[in-house]
Amino acid sequence: MKKLVLLFLLIIFTLHVNAQRAFCDSSMINEISNYKMKDGAVFMREYTVMLDSAASDSIVPEQKYRVVLLANVVYRFVIKGYQKCHCEPKLSIEDMHKTRLISSNFQKGKIVEQFDILVKETGAHSLKFSFRDGKQGCAIAAMFYVKNLNLSK
């Protein structure tokens, strides 16, 4: 009987985890990768972010990606949260070596859906994703190449 109860709990847990992961479906990925840019920005890569909610006494969960960005290049980041979870995704970009904040989509107290960044030094950068107030959520982000300032001179 104990084995049957454990098996039942395992099945319920597995279904619950898969239901959470199903938030971010392929339509979100297609929507953001086909994002129409007025200035001809080129899609480079997408990032899927799925985080559980923070415990009341713990730090806000975050998901990190490492990316190498080139100097004198303008990049655009677009981030969209899954509508059904009512979550507000936050993205901060930090220099890996100096661990300083380079840019963020949290500007003037508001979370913006897209922002451009001009990279001043070539190197490894950390993309840190989280959700406002440590809520559980799912989001899709994309990185676009906008222009190289060295080539436009």
Protein backbone atom coordinates (compact mmCIF):
# COMPACT_ATOMS: atom_id res chain seq x y z
CA MET A 1 0.00 0.00 0.00
CA LYS A 2 2.86 2.39 0.85
CA LYS A 3 4.42 1.75 -2.55
CA LEU A 4 1.14 2.59 -4.26
CA VAL A 5 0.83 5.88 -2.34
CA LEU A 6 4.46 6.80 -3.13
CA LEU A 7 3.91 5.98 -6.80
CA PHE A 8 0.77 8.13 -6.84
CA LEU A 9 2.61 11.06 -5.23
CA LEU A 10 5.46 10.71 -7.70
CA ILE A 11 3.03 10.83 -10.64
CA ILE A 12 1.26 13.91 -9.24
CA PHE A 13 4.58 15.67 -8.65
CA THR A 14 5.77 14.87 -12.19
CA LEU A 15 2.55 16.17 -13.73
CA HIS A 16 2.77 19.35 -11.64
CA VAL A 17 6.37 20.03 -12.73
CA ASN A 18 5.49 19.40 -16.40
CA ALA A 19 2.50 21.74 -16.14
CA GLN A 20 4.79 24.49 -14.86
CA ARG A 21 7.26 23.91 -17.68
CA ALA A 22 4.45 24.04 -20.26
CA PHE A 23 3.95 27.74 -19.54
CA CYS A 24 6.62 28.72 -22.05
CA ASP A 25 5.33 27.23 -25.23
CA SER A 26 6.77 27.42 -28.71
CA SER A 27 4.38 30.20 -29.72
CA MET A 28 6.19 32.57 -27.34
CA ILE A 29 9.54 31.62 -28.86
CA ASN A 30 8.20 32.15 -32.38
CA GLU A 31 6.63 35.47 -31.41
CA ILE A 32 9.80 36.93 -29.98
CA SER A 33 12.20 35.54 -32.61
CA ASN A 34 10.04 37.03 -35.36
CA TYR A 35 9.85 40.35 -33.54
CA LYS A 36 9.64 43.04 -36.19
CA MET A 37 12.31 45.69 -35.81
CA LYS A 38 11.89 49.02 -37.59
CA ASP A 39 15.63 49.59 -37.86
CA GLY A 40 16.57 46.20 -39.34
CA ALA A 41 17.93 44.64 -36.16
CA VAL A 42 18.99 41.01 -36.67
CA PHE A 43 17.79 38.24 -34.35
CA MET A 44 20.73 36.44 -32.72
CA ARG A 45 19.54 34.20 -29.89
CA GLU A 46 16.61 33.50 -27.57
CA TYR A 47 16.67 32.63 -23.89
CA THR A 48 13.96 30.74 -22.00
CA VAL A 49 13.55 31.59 -18.33
CA MET A 50 11.53 29.46 -15.89
CA LEU A 51 11.82 30.13 -12.18
CA ASP A 52 9.97 29.00 -9.09
CA SER A 53 8.79 31.53 -6.54
CA ALA A 54 11.10 32.60 -3.75
CA ALA A 55 10.54 31.35 -0.25
CA SER A 56 9.47 34.18 2.04
CA ASP A 57 12.84 34.39 3.78
CA SER A 58 15.18 33.67 0.86
CA ILE A 59 16.78 35.67 -1.91
CA VAL A 60 15.03 36.10 -5.24
CA PRO A 61 15.75 33.18 -7.59
CA GLU A 62 17.58 34.08 -10.77
CA GLN A 63 18.70 32.33 -13.93
CA LYS A 64 22.03 33.28 -15.51
CA TYR A 65 23.45 33.01 -18.99
CA ARG A 66 26.94 33.96 -20.12
CA VAL A 67 27.43 35.78 -23.41
CA VAL A 68 30.38 37.47 -25.13
CA LEU A 69 29.52 40.95 -26.38
CA LEU A 70 31.71 42.99 -28.73
CA ALA A 71 32.83 46.58 -28.12
CA ASN A 72 31.20 49.42 -30.07
CA VAL A 73 28.22 47.25 -31.00
CA VAL A 74 24.63 48.13 -30.17
CA TYR A 75 22.52 45.17 -29.04
CA ARG A 76 18.79 45.07 -28.34
CA PHE A 77 17.21 42.85 -25.71
CA VAL A 78 13.51 42.05 -25.77
CA ILE A 79 11.88 40.17 -22.89
CA LYS A 80 8.28 39.03 -22.57
CA GLY A 81 6.64 37.28 -19.66
CA TYR A 82 4.02 34.62 -20.21
CA GLN A 83 0.65 36.38 -20.01
CA LYS A 84 -1.13 33.74 -17.93
CA CYS A 85 1.37 33.90 -15.08
CA HIS A 86 1.10 37.71 -14.70
CA CYS A 87 4.81 37.90 -14.00
CA GLU A 88 7.15 40.78 -14.70
CA PRO A 89 10.52 39.53 -15.94
CA LYS A 90 13.64 41.48 -15.06
CA LEU A 91 16.91 41.31 -16.98
CA SER A 92 20.19 42.80 -15.83
CA ILE A 93 23.42 42.67 -17.80
CA GLU A 94 26.66 42.64 -15.84
CA ASP A 95 30.32 42.67 -16.78
CA MET A 96 31.72 39.27 -15.74
CA HIS A 97 35.16 40.52 -14.72
CA LYS A 98 34.28 43.73 -12.92
CA THR A 99 30.86 42.49 -11.74
CA ARG A 100 29.22 45.83 -12.40
CA LEU A 101 25.79 46.49 -13.81
CA ILE A 102 25.95 47.53 -17.47
CA SER A 103 22.23 47.81 -18.22
CA SER A 104 18.80 46.57 -17.18
CA ASN A 105 15.18 46.53 -18.31
CA PHE A 106 14.24 48.03 -14.92
CA GLN A 107 14.35 51.75 -15.72
CA LYS A 108 12.92 54.64 -13.71
CA GLY A 109 10.90 52.29 -11.51
CA LYS A 110 9.27 50.48 -14.44
CA ILE A 111 10.04 47.27 -16.26
CA VAL A 112 10.36 47.86 -20.00
CA GLU A 113 9.89 45.17 -22.65
CA GLN A 114 12.89 46.15 -24.77
CA PHE A 115 16.07 48.19 -24.42
CA ASP A 116 19.25 48.86 -26.37
CA ILE A 117 22.76 48.66 -25.00
CA LEU A 118 26.01 50.02 -26.42
CA VAL A 119 28.86 47.79 -25.27
CA LYS A 120 32.05 49.69 -24.45
CA GLU A 121 34.41 46.74 -23.86
CA THR A 122 34.56 43.36 -25.56
CA GLY A 123 34.23 40.55 -23.06
CA ALA A 124 32.10 38.08 -21.18
CA HIS A 125 28.87 39.41 -19.74
CA SER A 126 26.29 37.80 -17.51
CA LEU A 127 22.58 37.98 -18.33
CA LYS A 128 20.66 37.64 -15.05
CA PHE A 129 16.94 36.96 -15.23
CA SER A 130 14.49 37.12 -12.34
CA PHE A 131 10.87 38.08 -11.71
CA ARG A 132 9.61 41.06 -9.75
CA ASP A 133 9.00 40.29 -6.07
CA GLY A 134 10.48 36.80 -6.51
CA LYS A 135 7.33 35.45 -8.11
CA GLN A 136 7.22 32.24 -10.11
CA GLY A 137 7.21 32.80 -13.82
CA CYS A 138 8.16 32.03 -17.34
CA ALA A 139 9.60 34.41 -19.91
CA ILE A 140 11.27 34.45 -23.27
CA ALA A 141 14.05 36.91 -24.06
CA ALA A 142 15.83 37.58 -27.32
CA MET A 143 19.07 39.30 -28.22
CA PHE A 144 19.31 41.30 -31.47
CA TYR A 145 22.28 42.86 -33.25
CA VAL A 146 21.42 46.49 -34.10
CA LYS A 147 24.62 48.00 -35.50
CA ASN A 148 28.38 48.15 -35.26
CA LEU A 149 29.54 51.72 -34.63
CA ASN A 150 32.99 50.94 -36.10
CA LEU A 151 31.41 50.15 -39.47
CA SER A 152 29.08 53.14 -39.57
CA LYS A 153 31.87 55.74 -39.57
